[in-house]
All heavy atoms as atom14 arrays in JSON, in Angstrom:
{
  "sequence": "MPVGVEYDDKGSGDGVGVGSKFPVTALTARLLTLLSLIISVVVLKTND",
  "atom14_mask": [
    [1, 1, 1, 1, 1, 1, 1, 1, 0, 0, 0, 0, 0, 0],
    [1, 1, 1, 1, 1, 1, 1, 0, 0, 0, 0, 0, 0, 0],
    [1, 1, 1, 1, 1, 1, 1, 0, 0, 0, 0, 0, 0, 0],
    [1, 1, 1, 1, 0, 0, 0, 0, 0, 0, 0, 0, 0, 0],
    [1, 1, 1, 1, 1, 1, 1, 0, 0, 0, 0, 0, 0, 0],
    [1, 1, 1, 1, 1, 1, 1, 1, 1, 0, 0, 0, 0, 0],
    [1, 1, 1, 1, 1, 1, 1, 1, 1, 1, 1, 1, 0, 0],
    [1, 1, 1, 1, 1, 1, 1, 1, 0, 0, 0, 0, 0, 0],
    [1, 1, 1, 1, 1, 1, 1, 1, 0, 0, 0, 0, 0, 0],
    [1, 1, 1, 1, 1, 1, 1, 1, 1, 0, 0, 0, 0, 0],
    [1, 1, 1, 1, 0, 0, 0, 0, 0, 0, 0, 0, 0, 0],
    [1, 1, 1, 1, 1, 1, 0, 0, 0, 0, 0, 0, 0, 0],
    [1, 1, 1, 1, 0, 0, 0, 0, 0, 0, 0, 0, 0, 0],
    [1, 1, 1, 1, 1, 1, 1, 1, 0, 0, 0, 0, 0, 0],
    [1, 1, 1, 1, 0, 0, 0, 0, 0, 0, 0, 0, 0, 0],
    [1, 1, 1, 1, 1, 1, 1, 0, 0, 0, 0, 0, 0, 0],
    [1, 1, 1, 1, 0, 0, 0, 0, 0, 0, 0, 0, 0, 0],
    [1, 1, 1, 1, 1, 1, 1, 0, 0, 0, 0, 0, 0, 0],
    [1, 1, 1, 1, 0, 0, 0, 0, 0, 0, 0, 0, 0, 0],
    [1, 1, 1, 1, 1, 1, 0, 0, 0, 0, 0, 0, 0, 0],
    [1, 1, 1, 1, 1, 1, 1, 1, 1, 0, 0, 0, 0, 0],
    [1, 1, 1, 1, 1, 1, 1, 1, 1, 1, 1, 0, 0, 0],
    [1, 1, 1, 1, 1, 1, 1, 0, 0, 0, 0, 0, 0, 0],
    [1, 1, 1, 1, 1, 1, 1, 0, 0, 0, 0, 0, 0, 0],
    [1, 1, 1, 1, 1, 1, 1, 0, 0, 0, 0, 0, 0, 0],
    [1, 1, 1, 1, 1, 0, 0, 0, 0, 0, 0, 0, 0, 0],
    [1, 1, 1, 1, 1, 1, 1, 1, 0, 0, 0, 0, 0, 0],
    [1, 1, 1, 1, 1, 1, 1, 0, 0, 0, 0, 0, 0, 0],
    [1, 1, 1, 1, 1, 0, 0, 0, 0, 0, 0, 0, 0, 0],
    [1, 1, 1, 1, 1, 1, 1, 1, 1, 1, 1, 0, 0, 0],
    [1, 1, 1, 1, 1, 1, 1, 1, 0, 0, 0, 0, 0, 0],
    [1, 1, 1, 1, 1, 1, 1, 1, 0, 0, 0, 0, 0, 0],
    [1, 1, 1, 1, 1, 1, 1, 0, 0, 0, 0, 0, 0, 0],
    [1, 1, 1, 1, 1, 1, 1, 1, 0, 0, 0, 0, 0, 0],
    [1, 1, 1, 1, 1, 1, 1, 1, 0, 0, 0, 0, 0, 0],
    [1, 1, 1, 1, 1, 1, 0, 0, 0, 0, 0, 0, 0, 0],
    [1, 1, 1, 1, 1, 1, 1, 1, 0, 0, 0, 0, 0, 0],
    [1, 1, 1, 1, 1, 1, 1, 1, 0, 0, 0, 0, 0, 0],
    [1, 1, 1, 1, 1, 1, 1, 1, 0, 0, 0, 0, 0, 0],
    [1, 1, 1, 1, 1, 1, 0, 0, 0, 0, 0, 0, 0, 0],
    [1, 1, 1, 1, 1, 1, 1, 0, 0, 0, 0, 0, 0, 0],
    [1, 1, 1, 1, 1, 1, 1, 0, 0, 0, 0, 0, 0, 0],
    [1, 1, 1, 1, 1, 1, 1, 0, 0, 0, 0, 0, 0, 0],
    [1, 1, 1, 1, 1, 1, 1, 1, 0, 0, 0, 0, 0, 0],
    [1, 1, 1, 1, 1, 1, 1, 1, 1, 0, 0, 0, 0, 0],
    [1, 1, 1, 1, 1, 1, 1, 0, 0, 0, 0, 0, 0, 0],
    [1, 1, 1, 1, 1, 1, 1, 1, 0, 0, 0, 0, 0, 0],
    [1, 1, 1, 1, 1, 1, 1, 1, 0, 0, 0, 0, 0, 0]
  ],
  "atom14_positions": [
    [[0.9, -1.12, 0.01], [-0.02, -0.07, 0.04], [0.83, 1.25, -0.05], [1.7, 1.35, 0.92], [-0.97, 0.03, 1.25], [-1.93, 1.14, 1.23], [-3.22, 0.93, 2.53], [-2.29, 0.68, 4.0], [0.0, 0.0, 0.0], [0.0, 0.0, 0.0], [0.0, 0.0, 0.0], [0.0, 0.0, 0.0], [0.0, 0.0, 0.0], [0.0, 0.0, 0.0]],
    [[0.59, 2.2, -0.91], [1.58, 3.44, -0.9], [1.29, 4.28, 0.31], [0.15, 4.36, 0.86], [1.07, 4.09, -2.25], [-0.1, 3.47, -2.67], [-0.38, 2.19, -2.02], [0.0, 0.0, 0.0], [0.0, 0.0, 0.0], [0.0, 0.0, 0.0], [0.0, 0.0, 0.0], [0.0, 0.0, 0.0], [0.0, 0.0, 0.0], [0.0, 0.0, 0.0]],
    [[2.32, 4.94, 0.83], [2.3, 5.74, 1.95], [1.43, 6.96, 1.54], [1.72, 7.61, 0.44], [3.59, 6.17, 2.41], [3.44, 7.19, 3.58], [4.5, 4.93, 2.95], [0.0, 0.0, 0.0], [0.0, 0.0, 0.0], [0.0, 0.0, 0.0], [0.0, 0.0, 0.0], [0.0, 0.0, 0.0], [0.0, 0.0, 0.0], [0.0, 0.0, 0.0]],
    [[0.52, 7.42, 2.32], [-0.3, 8.61, 2.04], [-1.59, 8.21, 1.43], [-2.57, 8.95, 1.65], [0.0, 0.0, 0.0], [0.0, 0.0, 0.0], [0.0, 0.0, 0.0], [0.0, 0.0, 0.0], [0.0, 0.0, 0.0], [0.0, 0.0, 0.0], [0.0, 0.0, 0.0], [0.0, 0.0, 0.0], [0.0, 0.0, 0.0], [0.0, 0.0, 0.0]],
    [[-1.8, 7.05, 0.81], [-3.1, 6.59, 0.32], [-3.56, 5.62, 1.24], [-3.17, 4.48, 1.31], [-3.03, 6.04, -1.05], [-4.36, 5.57, -1.48], [-2.46, 7.08, -2.14], [0.0, 0.0, 0.0], [0.0, 0.0, 0.0], [0.0, 0.0, 0.0], [0.0, 0.0, 0.0], [0.0, 0.0, 0.0], [0.0, 0.0, 0.0], [0.0, 0.0, 0.0]],
    [[-4.52, 5.97, 2.19], [-4.89, 5.17, 3.29], [-6.27, 4.48, 3.16], [-6.56, 3.5, 3.78], [-4.65, 5.93, 4.61], [-3.35, 6.37, 4.81], [-2.25, 5.37, 4.82], [-2.59, 4.18, 5.12], [-1.22, 5.67, 4.54], [0.0, 0.0, 0.0], [0.0, 0.0, 0.0], [0.0, 0.0, 0.0], [0.0, 0.0, 0.0], [0.0, 0.0, 0.0]],
    [[-7.21, 5.18, 2.54], [-8.58, 4.56, 2.43], [-9.33, 5.2, 1.38], [-8.88, 6.29, 0.83], [-9.34, 4.71, 3.84], [-9.97, 6.18, 3.94], [-11.33, 6.46, 3.64], [-9.2, 7.17, 4.48], [-11.83, 7.71, 3.88], [-9.76, 8.43, 4.72], [-11.0, 8.69, 4.41], [-11.7, 9.89, 4.53], [0.0, 0.0, 0.0], [0.0, 0.0, 0.0]],
    [[-10.25, 4.54, 0.91], [-11.19, 5.07, -0.27], [-12.47, 5.24, 0.26], [-12.99, 4.51, 1.27], [-11.1, 4.16, -1.41], [-11.94, 2.9, -1.29], [-13.03, 2.87, -0.81], [-11.33, 1.79, -1.83], [0.0, 0.0, 0.0], [0.0, 0.0, 0.0], [0.0, 0.0, 0.0], [0.0, 0.0, 0.0], [0.0, 0.0, 0.0], [0.0, 0.0, 0.0]],
    [[-13.27, 6.17, -0.24], [-14.58, 6.47, 0.37], [-15.6, 5.44, 0.17], [-16.54, 5.25, 0.86], [-15.09, 7.73, -0.46], [-14.61, 9.03, 0.33], [-14.37, 8.99, 1.5], [-14.63, 10.12, -0.41], [0.0, 0.0, 0.0], [0.0, 0.0, 0.0], [0.0, 0.0, 0.0], [0.0, 0.0, 0.0], [0.0, 0.0, 0.0], [0.0, 0.0, 0.0]],
    [[-15.31, 4.66, -0.86], [-16.41, 3.6, -1.27], [-16.24, 2.34, -0.4], [-17.09, 1.5, -0.27], [-16.21, 3.21, -2.67], [-16.68, 4.39, -3.49], [-16.23, 4.16, -5.04], [-16.35, 5.34, -5.93], [-15.62, 6.5, -5.6], [0.0, 0.0, 0.0], [0.0, 0.0, 0.0], [0.0, 0.0, 0.0], [0.0, 0.0, 0.0], [0.0, 0.0, 0.0]],
    [[-15.0, 2.16, 0.33], [-14.84, 0.97, 1.08], [-14.79, -0.31, 0.19], [-15.3, -1.24, 0.51], [0.0, 0.0, 0.0], [0.0, 0.0, 0.0], [0.0, 0.0, 0.0], [0.0, 0.0, 0.0], [0.0, 0.0, 0.0], [0.0, 0.0, 0.0], [0.0, 0.0, 0.0], [0.0, 0.0, 0.0], [0.0, 0.0, 0.0], [0.0, 0.0, 0.0]],
    [[-14.27, -0.18, -1.0], [-14.29, -1.22, -2.01], [-13.68, -2.47, -1.65], [-13.87, -3.52, -2.31], [-13.92, -0.7, -3.29], [-12.55, -0.39, -3.27], [0.0, 0.0, 0.0], [0.0, 0.0, 0.0], [0.0, 0.0, 0.0], [0.0, 0.0, 0.0], [0.0, 0.0, 0.0], [0.0, 0.0, 0.0], [0.0, 0.0, 0.0], [0.0, 0.0, 0.0]],
    [[-12.58, -2.34, -0.76], [-11.96, -3.57, -0.4], [-11.01, -4.12, -1.36], [-10.81, -5.23, -1.52], [0.0, 0.0, 0.0], [0.0, 0.0, 0.0], [0.0, 0.0, 0.0], [0.0, 0.0, 0.0], [0.0, 0.0, 0.0], [0.0, 0.0, 0.0], [0.0, 0.0, 0.0], [0.0, 0.0, 0.0], [0.0, 0.0, 0.0], [0.0, 0.0, 0.0]],
    [[-10.57, -3.21, -2.36], [-9.76, -3.46, -3.46], [-8.2, -3.64, -3.1], [-7.31, -3.74, -3.88], [-9.84, -2.59, -4.61], [-9.45, -1.13, -4.24], [-9.19, -1.0, -3.06], [-9.58, -0.28, -5.19], [0.0, 0.0, 0.0], [0.0, 0.0, 0.0], [0.0, 0.0, 0.0], [0.0, 0.0, 0.0], [0.0, 0.0, 0.0], [0.0, 0.0, 0.0]],
    [[-7.86, -3.57, -1.76], [-6.61, -3.64, -1.3], [-5.78, -2.32, -1.25], [-4.71, -2.14, -0.59], [0.0, 0.0, 0.0], [0.0, 0.0, 0.0], [0.0, 0.0, 0.0], [0.0, 0.0, 0.0], [0.0, 0.0, 0.0], [0.0, 0.0, 0.0], [0.0, 0.0, 0.0], [0.0, 0.0, 0.0], [0.0, 0.0, 0.0], [0.0, 0.0, 0.0]],
    [[-6.52, -1.24, -1.77], [-5.71, -0.02, -1.7], [-6.02, 0.76, -0.47], [-5.18, 1.38, 0.11], [-6.21, 0.92, -2.98], [-5.63, 2.33, -2.89], [-5.85, 0.22, -4.25], [0.0, 0.0, 0.0], [0.0, 0.0, 0.0], [0.0, 0.0, 0.0], [0.0, 0.0, 0.0], [0.0, 0.0, 0.0], [0.0, 0.0, 0.0], [0.0, 0.0, 0.0]],
    [[-7.19, 0.65, -0.03], [-7.64, 1.39, 1.29], [-8.16, 0.39, 2.35], [-8.19, -0.77, 2.07], [0.0, 0.0, 0.0], [0.0, 0.0, 0.0], [0.0, 0.0, 0.0], [0.0, 0.0, 0.0], [0.0, 0.0, 0.0], [0.0, 0.0, 0.0], [0.0, 0.0, 0.0], [0.0, 0.0, 0.0], [0.0, 0.0, 0.0], [0.0, 0.0, 0.0]],
    [[-8.63, 1.06, 3.34], [-9.26, 0.2, 4.45], [-10.6, 0.45, 4.81], [-11.16, 0.15, 5.76], [-8.31, 0.36, 5.76], [-6.96, -0.41, 5.61], [-8.14, 1.75, 6.14], [0.0, 0.0, 0.0], [0.0, 0.0, 0.0], [0.0, 0.0, 0.0], [0.0, 0.0, 0.0], [0.0, 0.0, 0.0], [0.0, 0.0, 0.0], [0.0, 0.0, 0.0]],
    [[-11.33, 1.28, 3.85], [-12.74, 1.4, 4.09], [-13.12, 2.76, 4.61], [-12.32, 3.45, 5.11], [0.0, 0.0, 0.0], [0.0, 0.0, 0.0], [0.0, 0.0, 0.0], [0.0, 0.0, 0.0], [0.0, 0.0, 0.0], [0.0, 0.0, 0.0], [0.0, 0.0, 0.0], [0.0, 0.0, 0.0], [0.0, 0.0, 0.0], [0.0, 0.0, 0.0]],
    [[-14.29, 3.25, 4.35], [-14.72, 4.56, 4.55], [-14.92, 4.82, 6.02], [-14.83, 6.03, 6.44], [-15.99, 4.88, 3.77], [-17.02, 4.11, 4.27], [0.0, 0.0, 0.0], [0.0, 0.0, 0.0], [0.0, 0.0, 0.0], [0.0, 0.0, 0.0], [0.0, 0.0, 0.0], [0.0, 0.0, 0.0], [0.0, 0.0, 0.0], [0.0, 0.0, 0.0]],
    [[-15.24, 3.92, 6.79], [-15.3, 4.02, 8.32], [-14.06, 4.14, 9.08], [-14.18, 4.51, 10.27], [-16.3, 2.98, 8.84], [-17.6, 2.83, 8.22], [-18.46, 4.06, 8.33], [-19.81, 3.82, 7.83], [-20.35, 4.93, 7.14], [0.0, 0.0, 0.0], [0.0, 0.0, 0.0], [0.0, 0.0, 0.0], [0.0, 0.0, 0.0], [0.0, 0.0, 0.0]],
    [[-13.0, 3.77, 8.49], [-11.75, 3.73, 9.23], [-11.26, 5.03, 9.8], [-10.95, 5.11, 11.04], [-10.58, 3.15, 8.24], [-9.39, 2.91, 8.83], [-9.05, 1.77, 9.56], [-8.23, 3.94, 8.65], [-7.85, 1.57, 10.2], [-7.1, 3.77, 9.28], [-6.78, 2.5, 10.03], [0.0, 0.0, 0.0], [0.0, 0.0, 0.0], [0.0, 0.0, 0.0]],
    [[-11.3, 6.17, 9.05], [-10.75, 7.35, 9.69], [-11.8, 7.84, 10.84], [-11.36, 8.53, 11.79], [-10.74, 8.45, 8.61], [-11.28, 7.71, 7.39], [-11.46, 6.31, 7.68], [0.0, 0.0, 0.0], [0.0, 0.0, 0.0], [0.0, 0.0, 0.0], [0.0, 0.0, 0.0], [0.0, 0.0, 0.0], [0.0, 0.0, 0.0], [0.0, 0.0, 0.0]],
    [[-13.09, 7.58, 10.62], [-14.12, 8.09, 11.58], [-13.86, 7.26, 12.98], [-13.89, 7.81, 14.04], [-15.54, 7.75, 11.06], [-16.56, 8.12, 12.24], [-15.74, 8.67, 9.85], [0.0, 0.0, 0.0], [0.0, 0.0, 0.0], [0.0, 0.0, 0.0], [0.0, 0.0, 0.0], [0.0, 0.0, 0.0], [0.0, 0.0, 0.0], [0.0, 0.0, 0.0]],
    [[-13.55, 5.97, 12.86], [-13.42, 5.17, 14.06], [-12.05, 5.64, 14.74], [-12.02, 5.5, 15.9], [-13.42, 3.68, 13.75], [-12.5, 3.38, 12.76], [-14.82, 3.23, 13.35], [0.0, 0.0, 0.0], [0.0, 0.0, 0.0], [0.0, 0.0, 0.0], [0.0, 0.0, 0.0], [0.0, 0.0, 0.0], [0.0, 0.0, 0.0], [0.0, 0.0, 0.0]],
    [[-11.02, 5.95, 13.78], [-9.78, 6.39, 14.45], [-9.98, 7.56, 15.25], [-9.33, 7.73, 16.29], [-8.71, 6.52, 13.33], [0.0, 0.0, 0.0], [0.0, 0.0, 0.0], [0.0, 0.0, 0.0], [0.0, 0.0, 0.0], [0.0, 0.0, 0.0], [0.0, 0.0, 0.0], [0.0, 0.0, 0.0], [0.0, 0.0, 0.0], [0.0, 0.0, 0.0]],
    [[-10.63, 8.56, 14.58], [-10.88, 9.82, 15.39], [-11.77, 9.62, 16.67], [-11.53, 10.12, 17.69], [-11.56, 10.85, 14.44], [-11.82, 12.13, 15.03], [-10.58, 12.9, 15.66], [-12.56, 13.12, 14.13], [0.0, 0.0, 0.0], [0.0, 0.0, 0.0], [0.0, 0.0, 0.0], [0.0, 0.0, 0.0], [0.0, 0.0, 0.0], [0.0, 0.0, 0.0]],
    [[-12.76, 8.75, 16.48], [-13.71, 8.4, 17.6], [-12.87, 7.69, 18.7], [-13.1, 8.13, 19.93], [-14.84, 7.53, 17.17], [-15.57, 8.24, 16.14], [-15.71, 7.23, 18.32], [0.0, 0.0, 0.0], [0.0, 0.0, 0.0], [0.0, 0.0, 0.0], [0.0, 0.0, 0.0], [0.0, 0.0, 0.0], [0.0, 0.0, 0.0], [0.0, 0.0, 0.0]],
    [[-12.04, 6.91, 18.49], [-11.1, 6.2, 19.5], [-10.26, 7.33, 20.24], [-10.16, 7.28, 21.37], [-10.27, 5.26, 18.84], [0.0, 0.0, 0.0], [0.0, 0.0, 0.0], [0.0, 0.0, 0.0], [0.0, 0.0, 0.0], [0.0, 0.0, 0.0], [0.0, 0.0, 0.0], [0.0, 0.0, 0.0], [0.0, 0.0, 0.0], [0.0, 0.0, 0.0]],
    [[-9.68, 8.19, 19.48], [-8.91, 9.34, 19.98], [-9.91, 10.22, 21.03], [-9.43, 10.53, 22.08], [-8.36, 10.22, 18.95], [-7.27, 9.38, 18.05], [-5.9, 9.47, 18.74], [-4.98, 8.78, 17.74], [-3.88, 8.08, 18.04], [-3.6, 7.94, 19.3], [-3.11, 7.61, 17.07], [0.0, 0.0, 0.0], [0.0, 0.0, 0.0], [0.0, 0.0, 0.0]],
    [[-10.96, 10.57, 20.5], [-11.82, 11.43, 21.28], [-12.31, 10.66, 22.5], [-12.44, 11.28, 23.59], [-13.01, 12.01, 20.42], [-12.69, 12.87, 19.29], [-13.88, 13.11, 18.42], [-12.06, 14.19, 19.86], [0.0, 0.0, 0.0], [0.0, 0.0, 0.0], [0.0, 0.0, 0.0], [0.0, 0.0, 0.0], [0.0, 0.0, 0.0], [0.0, 0.0, 0.0]],
    [[-12.68, 9.4, 22.4], [-13.11, 8.67, 23.54], [-11.9, 8.57, 24.65], [-12.1, 8.72, 25.79], [-13.47, 7.26, 23.11], [-14.0, 6.27, 24.25], [-15.2, 6.92, 25.0], [-14.35, 5.01, 23.77], [0.0, 0.0, 0.0], [0.0, 0.0, 0.0], [0.0, 0.0, 0.0], [0.0, 0.0, 0.0], [0.0, 0.0, 0.0], [0.0, 0.0, 0.0]],
    [[-10.74, 8.34, 24.13], [-9.58, 8.24, 24.96], [-9.5, 9.67, 25.76], [-9.32, 9.56, 26.99], [-8.26, 8.05, 24.26], [-8.41, 6.83, 23.45], [-7.06, 8.01, 25.13], [0.0, 0.0, 0.0], [0.0, 0.0, 0.0], [0.0, 0.0, 0.0], [0.0, 0.0, 0.0], [0.0, 0.0, 0.0], [0.0, 0.0, 0.0], [0.0, 0.0, 0.0]],
    [[-9.49, 10.7, 25.11], [-9.39, 12.18, 25.67], [-10.47, 12.37, 26.67], [-10.2, 12.74, 27.75], [-9.42, 13.14, 24.49], [-9.25, 14.52, 25.09], [-7.94, 14.81, 25.68], [-9.59, 15.54, 23.92], [0.0, 0.0, 0.0], [0.0, 0.0, 0.0], [0.0, 0.0, 0.0], [0.0, 0.0, 0.0], [0.0, 0.0, 0.0], [0.0, 0.0, 0.0]],
    [[-11.73, 11.96, 26.26], [-12.86, 12.24, 27.24], [-12.66, 11.36, 28.49], [-12.95, 11.83, 29.57], [-14.14, 11.98, 26.58], [-15.44, 12.17, 27.33], [-15.63, 13.6, 27.67], [-16.7, 11.65, 26.64], [0.0, 0.0, 0.0], [0.0, 0.0, 0.0], [0.0, 0.0, 0.0], [0.0, 0.0, 0.0], [0.0, 0.0, 0.0], [0.0, 0.0, 0.0]],
    [[-12.27, 10.11, 28.3], [-12.29, 9.21, 29.49], [-11.05, 9.7, 30.33], [-11.2, 9.75, 31.55], [-11.96, 7.82, 28.97], [-13.0, 7.32, 28.23], [0.0, 0.0, 0.0], [0.0, 0.0, 0.0], [0.0, 0.0, 0.0], [0.0, 0.0, 0.0], [0.0, 0.0, 0.0], [0.0, 0.0, 0.0], [0.0, 0.0, 0.0], [0.0, 0.0, 0.0]],
    [[-9.93, 10.18, 29.77], [-8.9, 10.54, 30.71], [-9.18, 11.86, 31.3], [-8.78, 12.06, 32.53], [-7.6, 10.66, 29.86], [-7.13, 9.38, 29.15], [-5.81, 9.61, 28.37], [-6.83, 8.31, 30.21], [0.0, 0.0, 0.0], [0.0, 0.0, 0.0], [0.0, 0.0, 0.0], [0.0, 0.0, 0.0], [0.0, 0.0, 0.0], [0.0, 0.0, 0.0]],
    [[-9.89, 12.83, 30.62], [-10.21, 14.08, 31.36], [-11.19, 13.72, 32.53], [-11.1, 14.24, 33.58], [-10.85, 15.08, 30.33], [-9.77, 15.52, 29.45], [-11.61, 16.15, 30.98], [-10.3, 16.5, 28.3], [0.0, 0.0, 0.0], [0.0, 0.0, 0.0], [0.0, 0.0, 0.0], [0.0, 0.0, 0.0], [0.0, 0.0, 0.0], [0.0, 0.0, 0.0]],
    [[-12.21, 12.9, 32.4], [-13.03, 12.55, 33.47], [-12.32, 11.9, 34.65], [-12.6, 12.22, 35.68], [-14.18, 11.57, 32.92], [-15.12, 12.44, 32.02], [-15.0, 10.97, 34.11], [-16.12, 11.48, 31.18], [0.0, 0.0, 0.0], [0.0, 0.0, 0.0], [0.0, 0.0, 0.0], [0.0, 0.0, 0.0], [0.0, 0.0, 0.0], [0.0, 0.0, 0.0]],
    [[-11.37, 11.04, 34.28], [-10.58, 10.43, 35.2], [-9.8, 11.37, 36.13], [-9.77, 11.3, 37.36], [-9.63, 9.43, 34.56], [-8.82, 8.77, 35.56], [0.0, 0.0, 0.0], [0.0, 0.0, 0.0], [0.0, 0.0, 0.0], [0.0, 0.0, 0.0], [0.0, 0.0, 0.0], [0.0, 0.0, 0.0], [0.0, 0.0, 0.0], [0.0, 0.0, 0.0]],
    [[-9.25, 12.44, 35.47], [-8.43, 13.42, 36.24], [-9.3, 14.24, 37.08], [-9.03, 14.55, 38.21], [-7.53, 14.29, 35.2], [-7.05, 15.56, 35.97], [-6.43, 13.47, 34.7], [0.0, 0.0, 0.0], [0.0, 0.0, 0.0], [0.0, 0.0, 0.0], [0.0, 0.0, 0.0], [0.0, 0.0, 0.0], [0.0, 0.0, 0.0], [0.0, 0.0, 0.0]],
    [[-10.53, 14.6, 36.45], [-11.43, 15.53, 37.27], [-11.88, 14.87, 38.63], [-11.95, 15.3, 39.66], [-12.54, 16.0, 36.38], [-13.57, 16.65, 37.21], [-12.03, 16.99, 35.26], [0.0, 0.0, 0.0], [0.0, 0.0, 0.0], [0.0, 0.0, 0.0], [0.0, 0.0, 0.0], [0.0, 0.0, 0.0], [0.0, 0.0, 0.0], [0.0, 0.0, 0.0]],
    [[-12.31, 13.54, 38.44], [-12.81, 12.85, 39.56], [-11.76, 12.58, 40.53], [-11.98, 12.73, 41.83], [-13.52, 11.51, 39.1], [-13.89, 10.63, 40.35], [-14.7, 11.73, 38.25], [0.0, 0.0, 0.0], [0.0, 0.0, 0.0], [0.0, 0.0, 0.0], [0.0, 0.0, 0.0], [0.0, 0.0, 0.0], [0.0, 0.0, 0.0], [0.0, 0.0, 0.0]],
    [[-10.5, 12.24, 40.1], [-9.37, 12.09, 41.02], [-9.1, 13.27, 41.72], [-8.79, 13.22, 42.89], [-8.2, 11.54, 40.25], [-6.98, 11.07, 40.97], [-7.42, 9.85, 41.75], [-5.85, 10.67, 40.11], [0.0, 0.0, 0.0], [0.0, 0.0, 0.0], [0.0, 0.0, 0.0], [0.0, 0.0, 0.0], [0.0, 0.0, 0.0], [0.0, 0.0, 0.0]],
    [[-9.04, 14.46, 41.17], [-8.63, 15.7, 41.73], [-9.75, 16.2, 42.73], [-9.37, 16.81, 43.71], [-8.46, 16.86, 40.69], [-7.16, 16.65, 39.89], [-5.88, 16.92, 40.66], [-5.74, 18.5, 40.73], [-4.5, 18.73, 41.37], [0.0, 0.0, 0.0], [0.0, 0.0, 0.0], [0.0, 0.0, 0.0], [0.0, 0.0, 0.0], [0.0, 0.0, 0.0]],
    [[-11.0, 15.75, 42.48], [-12.09, 16.36, 43.38], [-12.3, 15.34, 44.42], [-13.09, 15.7, 45.46], [-13.36, 16.56, 42.54], [-13.8, 15.42, 41.87], [-13.06, 17.72, 41.61], [0.0, 0.0, 0.0], [0.0, 0.0, 0.0], [0.0, 0.0, 0.0], [0.0, 0.0, 0.0], [0.0, 0.0, 0.0], [0.0, 0.0, 0.0], [0.0, 0.0, 0.0]],
    [[-11.81, 14.12, 44.5], [-12.07, 13.17, 45.56], [-11.17, 13.5, 46.76], [-9.91, 13.28, 46.7], [-11.77, 11.72, 45.0], [-12.12, 10.75, 46.11], [-12.88, 10.92, 46.99], [-11.47, 9.48, 45.88], [0.0, 0.0, 0.0], [0.0, 0.0, 0.0], [0.0, 0.0, 0.0], [0.0, 0.0, 0.0], [0.0, 0.0, 0.0], [0.0, 0.0, 0.0]],
    [[-11.67, 13.99, 47.74], [-11.03, 14.21, 49.03], [-11.93, 14.02, 50.23], [-13.1, 14.13, 50.09], [-10.26, 15.53, 49.11], [-11.29, 16.71, 48.95], [-12.55, 16.47, 49.21], [-10.84, 17.81, 48.71], [0.0, 0.0, 0.0], [0.0, 0.0, 0.0], [0.0, 0.0, 0.0], [0.0, 0.0, 0.0], [0.0, 0.0, 0.0], [0.0, 0.0, 0.0]]
  ]
}
């Protein structure tokens, strides 16, 4: 797979890309990580 070409919009499965939902799930995983970690810090700091 050439560097820089990572997915196609159609999710055709032709070996060139990894499908149209791939970047959305990648961003969602990052955002979920951030949200979870922020909640963790807030609760930890306020627990006394």
